Amino acid sequence: IESGRLDSPEMIQLLKKYTQPMLDADVDYLVLDCSHYPYIIPQLKKVLPAHIKIIDSGEAVALQTKAILEKHHLLNDENTSPKIQFFTNAEVETLQWLLRDFAETISVEKKNF
């Protein structure tokens, strides 16, 4: 995922390899538990049977974060456009590619952590 090769044959092979034990166990749901996994939802839909529901935990985490911020009166209600910065210790180009739909509103910078 971090290499940006989401549509590669290697990615499809890896997904088939890692999801096969779940298919053998006859799962109904696949819960994504990593911030990188939503990027491969289209590929997962290609290799999984249609009846398997994919659950992205990112939305639940965002809702819980909002609830905690509201509880402690820390939620920013301003309607201004934020400056969004991303930092990576890997290739800047890959992160820029993954965030390409938001290119006008973000900046990506490499940092050694």
N, C-alpha and C. Protein backbone atom coordinates (compact mmCIF):
# COMPACT_ATOMS: atom_id res chain seq x y z
N ILE A 1 0.84 -1.19 0.00
CA ILE A 1 0.00 0.00 0.00
C ILE A 1 0.88 1.24 0.00
N GLU A 2 1.89 1.25 0.84
CA GLU A 2 2.76 2.42 0.95
C GLU A 2 3.55 2.69 -0.32
N SER A 3 3.71 1.69 -1.16
CA SER A 3 4.42 1.92 -2.42
C SER A 3 3.51 2.54 -3.47
N GLY A 4 2.20 2.60 -3.19
CA GLY A 4 1.26 3.18 -4.12
C GLY A 4 0.85 2.25 -5.24
N ARG A 5 1.23 0.99 -5.18
CA ARG A 5 0.92 0.02 -6.25
C ARG A 5 -0.37 -0.72 -5.93
N LEU A 6 -1.43 0.03 -5.76
CA LEU A 6 -2.70 -0.53 -5.32
C LEU A 6 -3.36 -1.42 -6.36
N ASP A 7 -3.20 -1.09 -7.62
CA ASP A 7 -3.85 -1.86 -8.68
C ASP A 7 -2.94 -2.88 -9.34
N SER A 8 -1.82 -3.17 -8.72
CA SER A 8 -0.86 -4.09 -9.32
C SER A 8 -1.33 -5.54 -9.17
N PRO A 9 -0.88 -6.41 -10.07
CA PRO A 9 -1.19 -7.84 -9.94
C PRO A 9 -0.67 -8.41 -8.61
N GLU A 10 0.45 -7.88 -8.14
CA GLU A 10 1.01 -8.35 -6.85
C GLU A 10 0.06 -8.03 -5.70
N MET A 11 -0.57 -6.85 -5.75
CA MET A 11 -1.52 -6.49 -4.69
C MET A 11 -2.71 -7.46 -4.70
N ILE A 12 -3.23 -7.74 -5.88
CA ILE A 12 -4.37 -8.66 -5.97
C ILE A 12 -3.97 -10.04 -5.44
N GLN A 13 -2.78 -10.51 -5.79
CA GLN A 13 -2.30 -11.82 -5.30
C GLN A 13 -2.18 -11.82 -3.78
N LEU A 14 -1.63 -10.75 -3.22
CA LEU A 14 -1.51 -10.66 -1.75
C LEU A 14 -2.88 -10.67 -1.09
N LEU A 15 -3.80 -9.93 -1.64
CA LEU A 15 -5.14 -9.89 -1.05
C LEU A 15 -5.81 -11.26 -1.11
N LYS A 16 -5.64 -11.95 -2.22
CA LYS A 16 -6.19 -13.30 -2.32
C LYS A 16 -5.57 -14.22 -1.28
N LYS A 17 -4.25 -14.11 -1.13
CA LYS A 17 -3.54 -14.96 -0.16
C LYS A 17 -4.01 -14.69 1.27
N TYR A 18 -4.12 -13.40 1.64
CA TYR A 18 -4.46 -13.06 3.02
C TYR A 18 -5.95 -13.20 3.33
N THR A 19 -6.80 -13.13 2.32
CA THR A 19 -8.23 -13.27 2.60
C THR A 19 -8.71 -14.71 2.47
N GLN A 20 -7.95 -15.57 1.85
CA GLN A 20 -8.39 -16.96 1.66
C GLN A 20 -8.72 -17.67 2.98
N PRO A 21 -7.90 -17.54 4.04
CA PRO A 21 -8.28 -18.19 5.30
C PRO A 21 -9.62 -17.67 5.85
N MET A 22 -9.91 -16.40 5.61
CA MET A 22 -11.19 -15.85 6.05
C MET A 22 -12.33 -16.40 5.23
N LEU A 23 -12.10 -16.53 3.93
CA LEU A 23 -13.12 -17.12 3.06
C LEU A 23 -13.36 -18.58 3.44
N ASP A 24 -12.28 -19.30 3.76
CA ASP A 24 -12.41 -20.69 4.20
C ASP A 24 -13.21 -20.80 5.50
N ALA A 25 -13.13 -19.76 6.33
CA ALA A 25 -13.87 -19.74 7.60
C ALA A 25 -15.29 -19.21 7.42
N ASP A 26 -15.65 -18.87 6.18
CA ASP A 26 -17.00 -18.42 5.83
C ASP A 26 -17.40 -17.14 6.58
N VAL A 27 -16.52 -16.12 6.53
CA VAL A 27 -16.82 -14.86 7.20
C VAL A 27 -17.91 -14.10 6.45
N ASP A 28 -18.61 -13.24 7.20
CA ASP A 28 -19.63 -12.37 6.61
C ASP A 28 -19.15 -10.92 6.53
N TYR A 29 -18.21 -10.57 7.41
CA TYR A 29 -17.73 -9.20 7.51
C TYR A 29 -16.21 -9.19 7.53
N LEU A 30 -15.64 -8.13 6.97
CA LEU A 30 -14.21 -7.89 7.04
C LEU A 30 -14.03 -6.50 7.63
N VAL A 31 -13.44 -6.43 8.82
CA VAL A 31 -13.25 -5.15 9.50
C VAL A 31 -11.83 -4.66 9.24
N LEU A 32 -11.73 -3.47 8.65
CA LEU A 32 -10.43 -2.87 8.37
C LEU A 32 -9.96 -2.15 9.62
N ASP A 33 -8.74 -2.46 10.07
CA ASP A 33 -8.27 -1.89 11.33
C ASP A 33 -6.96 -1.13 11.18
N CYS A 34 -6.69 -0.65 9.99
CA CYS A 34 -5.46 0.10 9.76
C CYS A 34 -5.79 1.30 8.90
N SER A 35 -5.10 2.37 9.12
CA SER A 35 -5.37 3.59 8.37
C SER A 35 -5.06 3.45 6.88
N HIS A 36 -4.28 2.45 6.52
CA HIS A 36 -3.92 2.24 5.11
C HIS A 36 -4.98 1.43 4.35
N TYR A 37 -5.73 0.61 5.04
CA TYR A 37 -6.60 -0.34 4.37
C TYR A 37 -7.74 0.26 3.55
N PRO A 38 -8.30 1.40 3.92
CA PRO A 38 -9.36 1.95 3.06
C PRO A 38 -8.90 2.20 1.63
N TYR A 39 -7.62 2.39 1.42
CA TYR A 39 -7.12 2.62 0.07
C TYR A 39 -7.28 1.38 -0.83
N ILE A 40 -7.43 0.21 -0.22
CA ILE A 40 -7.54 -1.01 -1.03
C ILE A 40 -8.96 -1.59 -1.02
N ILE A 41 -9.93 -0.81 -0.58
CA ILE A 41 -11.32 -1.30 -0.61
C ILE A 41 -11.73 -1.69 -2.04
N PRO A 42 -11.43 -0.90 -3.06
CA PRO A 42 -11.82 -1.34 -4.41
C PRO A 42 -11.20 -2.68 -4.81
N GLN A 43 -9.96 -2.91 -4.41
CA GLN A 43 -9.30 -4.16 -4.74
C GLN A 43 -9.90 -5.32 -3.92
N LEU A 44 -10.22 -5.05 -2.66
CA LEU A 44 -10.86 -6.07 -1.84
C LEU A 44 -12.20 -6.49 -2.43
N LYS A 45 -12.95 -5.52 -2.93
CA LYS A 45 -14.24 -5.84 -3.53
C LYS A 45 -14.09 -6.73 -4.77
N LYS A 46 -12.94 -6.65 -5.43
CA LYS A 46 -12.70 -7.49 -6.60
C LYS A 46 -12.42 -8.95 -6.21
N VAL A 47 -11.80 -9.15 -5.03
CA VAL A 47 -11.40 -10.51 -4.66
C VAL A 47 -12.35 -11.18 -3.67
N LEU A 48 -13.22 -10.41 -3.04
CA LEU A 48 -14.14 -10.98 -2.06
C LEU A 48 -15.51 -11.21 -2.69
N PRO A 49 -16.21 -12.24 -2.25
CA PRO A 49 -17.59 -12.43 -2.71
C PRO A 49 -18.45 -11.23 -2.31
N ALA A 50 -19.46 -10.96 -3.09
CA ALA A 50 -20.30 -9.76 -2.89
C ALA A 50 -21.02 -9.74 -1.54
N HIS A 51 -21.27 -10.92 -0.95
CA HIS A 51 -22.02 -10.95 0.32
C HIS A 51 -21.18 -10.50 1.52
N ILE A 52 -19.87 -10.44 1.39
CA ILE A 52 -19.02 -10.04 2.51
C ILE A 52 -19.02 -8.51 2.61
N LYS A 53 -19.41 -8.02 3.77
CA LYS A 53 -19.46 -6.58 3.99
C LYS A 53 -18.11 -6.11 4.54
N ILE A 54 -17.62 -5.02 4.01
CA ILE A 54 -16.35 -4.43 4.45
C ILE A 54 -16.68 -3.29 5.39
N ILE A 55 -16.11 -3.34 6.59
CA ILE A 55 -16.33 -2.30 7.58
C ILE A 55 -15.03 -1.54 7.79
N ASP A 56 -15.08 -0.24 7.52
CA ASP A 56 -13.92 0.63 7.71
C ASP A 56 -14.02 1.25 9.10
N SER A 57 -13.11 0.87 9.99
CA SER A 57 -13.16 1.36 11.38
C SER A 57 -12.80 2.84 11.49
N GLY A 58 -12.27 3.43 10.43
CA GLY A 58 -11.88 4.83 10.47
C GLY A 58 -13.03 5.76 10.78
N GLU A 59 -14.20 5.47 10.23
CA GLU A 59 -15.37 6.32 10.49
C GLU A 59 -15.76 6.26 11.97
N ALA A 60 -15.74 5.07 12.55
CA ALA A 60 -16.07 4.92 13.97
C ALA A 60 -15.07 5.66 14.84
N VAL A 61 -13.79 5.58 14.49
CA VAL A 61 -12.75 6.30 15.25
C VAL A 61 -12.98 7.80 15.15
N ALA A 62 -13.30 8.29 13.96
CA ALA A 62 -13.54 9.73 13.78
C ALA A 62 -14.75 10.19 14.60
N LEU A 63 -15.82 9.41 14.61
CA LEU A 63 -17.00 9.77 15.39
C LEU A 63 -16.71 9.78 16.88
N GLN A 64 -15.94 8.80 17.35
CA GLN A 64 -15.58 8.76 18.77
C GLN A 64 -14.68 9.93 19.14
N THR A 65 -13.75 10.27 18.25
CA THR A 65 -12.87 11.41 18.49
C THR A 65 -13.70 12.69 18.61
N LYS A 66 -14.65 12.86 17.72
CA LYS A 66 -15.52 14.03 17.76
C LYS A 66 -16.30 14.08 19.08
N ALA A 67 -16.83 12.94 19.52
CA ALA A 67 -17.60 12.88 20.77
C ALA A 67 -16.74 13.28 21.96
N ILE A 68 -15.50 12.81 21.98
CA ILE A 68 -14.59 13.16 23.09
C ILE A 68 -14.26 14.65 23.06
N LEU A 69 -13.99 15.18 21.88
CA LEU A 69 -13.70 16.62 21.77
C LEU A 69 -14.89 17.45 22.21
N GLU A 70 -16.11 17.04 21.83
CA GLU A 70 -17.31 17.76 22.24
C GLU A 70 -17.49 17.69 23.76
N LYS A 71 -17.28 16.53 24.33
CA LYS A 71 -17.44 16.32 25.77
C LYS A 71 -16.54 17.27 26.56
N HIS A 72 -15.33 17.49 26.06
CA HIS A 72 -14.37 18.33 26.76
C HIS A 72 -14.32 19.75 26.21
N HIS A 73 -15.34 20.10 25.42
CA HIS A 73 -15.46 21.44 24.84
C HIS A 73 -14.20 21.85 24.08
N LEU A 74 -13.67 20.93 23.32
CA LEU A 74 -12.45 21.18 22.54
C LEU A 74 -12.70 21.17 21.03
N LEU A 75 -13.94 20.93 20.62
CA LEU A 75 -14.25 20.86 19.20
C LEU A 75 -14.23 22.25 18.60
N ASN A 76 -13.52 22.41 17.52
CA ASN A 76 -13.44 23.69 16.82
C ASN A 76 -14.62 23.78 15.86
N ASP A 77 -15.52 24.74 16.09
CA ASP A 77 -16.71 24.89 15.27
C ASP A 77 -16.55 25.94 14.18
N GLU A 78 -15.37 26.49 14.01
CA GLU A 78 -15.16 27.52 12.99
C GLU A 78 -15.34 26.93 11.60
N ASN A 79 -15.86 27.73 10.70
CA ASN A 79 -16.06 27.29 9.33
C ASN A 79 -14.97 27.81 8.42
N THR A 80 -13.75 27.70 8.84
CA THR A 80 -12.63 28.14 8.03
C THR A 80 -11.99 26.93 7.36
N SER A 81 -11.31 27.18 6.27
CA SER A 81 -10.60 26.10 5.60
C SER A 81 -9.29 25.84 6.32
N PRO A 82 -9.10 24.64 6.82
CA PRO A 82 -7.87 24.36 7.55
C PRO A 82 -6.68 24.16 6.62
N LYS A 83 -5.51 24.38 7.16
CA LYS A 83 -4.29 24.00 6.46
C LYS A 83 -3.94 22.62 6.97
N ILE A 84 -3.93 21.66 6.09
CA ILE A 84 -3.70 20.28 6.48
C ILE A 84 -2.29 19.88 6.06
N GLN A 85 -1.51 19.42 7.04
CA GLN A 85 -0.14 19.02 6.78
C GLN A 85 0.03 17.55 7.11
N PHE A 86 0.72 16.85 6.23
CA PHE A 86 1.06 15.46 6.45
C PHE A 86 2.57 15.34 6.50
N PHE A 87 3.04 14.50 7.39
CA PHE A 87 4.46 14.24 7.51
C PHE A 87 4.71 12.75 7.31
N THR A 88 5.78 12.43 6.64
CA THR A 88 6.12 11.04 6.39
C THR A 88 7.62 10.85 6.55
N ASN A 89 8.02 9.65 6.91
CA ASN A 89 9.45 9.35 6.94
C ASN A 89 9.82 8.48 5.74
N ALA A 90 8.88 8.35 4.80
CA ALA A 90 9.11 7.59 3.58
C ALA A 90 9.03 8.54 2.38
N GLU A 91 8.67 8.00 1.22
CA GLU A 91 8.64 8.81 0.01
C GLU A 91 7.47 9.78 0.04
N VAL A 92 7.75 11.04 -0.17
CA VAL A 92 6.73 12.08 -0.22
C VAL A 92 5.79 11.82 -1.40
N GLU A 93 6.33 11.37 -2.51
CA GLU A 93 5.54 11.17 -3.72
C GLU A 93 4.41 10.16 -3.52
N THR A 94 4.68 9.10 -2.77
CA THR A 94 3.66 8.08 -2.54
C THR A 94 2.51 8.66 -1.74
N LEU A 95 2.80 9.38 -0.69
CA LEU A 95 1.75 9.99 0.13
C LEU A 95 0.99 11.02 -0.69
N GLN A 96 1.68 11.81 -1.49
CA GLN A 96 1.01 12.78 -2.35
C GLN A 96 0.07 12.07 -3.32
N TRP A 97 0.50 10.93 -3.85
CA TRP A 97 -0.35 10.19 -4.78
C TRP A 97 -1.58 9.66 -4.07
N LEU A 98 -1.42 9.12 -2.87
CA LEU A 98 -2.55 8.58 -2.12
C LEU A 98 -3.56 9.67 -1.76
N LEU A 99 -3.06 10.88 -1.57
CA LEU A 99 -3.92 12.01 -1.19
C LEU A 99 -4.22 12.91 -2.38
N ARG A 100 -4.08 12.41 -3.57
CA ARG A 100 -4.18 13.22 -4.78
C ARG A 100 -5.51 13.96 -4.92
N ASP A 101 -6.59 13.42 -4.38
CA ASP A 101 -7.88 14.08 -4.48
C ASP A 101 -7.95 15.36 -3.64
N PHE A 102 -7.00 15.53 -2.74
CA PHE A 102 -6.98 16.69 -1.85
C PHE A 102 -5.75 17.56 -2.07
N ALA A 103 -5.10 17.39 -3.19
CA ALA A 103 -3.80 18.03 -3.46
C ALA A 103 -3.82 19.54 -3.27
N GLU A 104 -4.95 20.18 -3.53
CA GLU A 104 -4.99 21.64 -3.42
C GLU A 104 -5.05 22.11 -1.97
N THR A 105 -5.45 21.25 -1.04
CA THR A 105 -5.65 21.69 0.34
C THR A 105 -4.66 21.11 1.33
N ILE A 106 -3.64 20.40 0.85
CA ILE A 106 -2.70 19.75 1.76
C ILE A 106 -1.26 20.08 1.40
N SER A 107 -0.41 19.83 2.35
CA SER A 107 1.02 19.84 2.08
C SER A 107 1.61 18.56 2.68
N VAL A 108 2.61 18.03 2.00
CA VAL A 108 3.27 16.80 2.46
C VAL A 108 4.75 17.11 2.58
N GLU A 109 5.30 16.71 3.72
CA GLU A 109 6.71 17.00 3.98
C GLU A 109 7.38 15.77 4.57
N LYS A 110 8.62 15.53 4.17
CA LYS A 110 9.38 14.40 4.72
C LYS A 110 10.10 14.86 5.98
N LYS A 111 9.99 14.05 7.03
CA LYS A 111 10.69 14.32 8.29
C LYS A 111 11.32 13.02 8.77
N ASN A 112 12.45 13.12 9.39
CA ASN A 112 13.08 11.97 10.03
C ASN A 112 12.64 11.94 11.48
N PHE A 113 11.83 10.95 11.81
CA PHE A 113 11.32 10.85 13.18
C PHE A 113 12.23 10.02 14.04
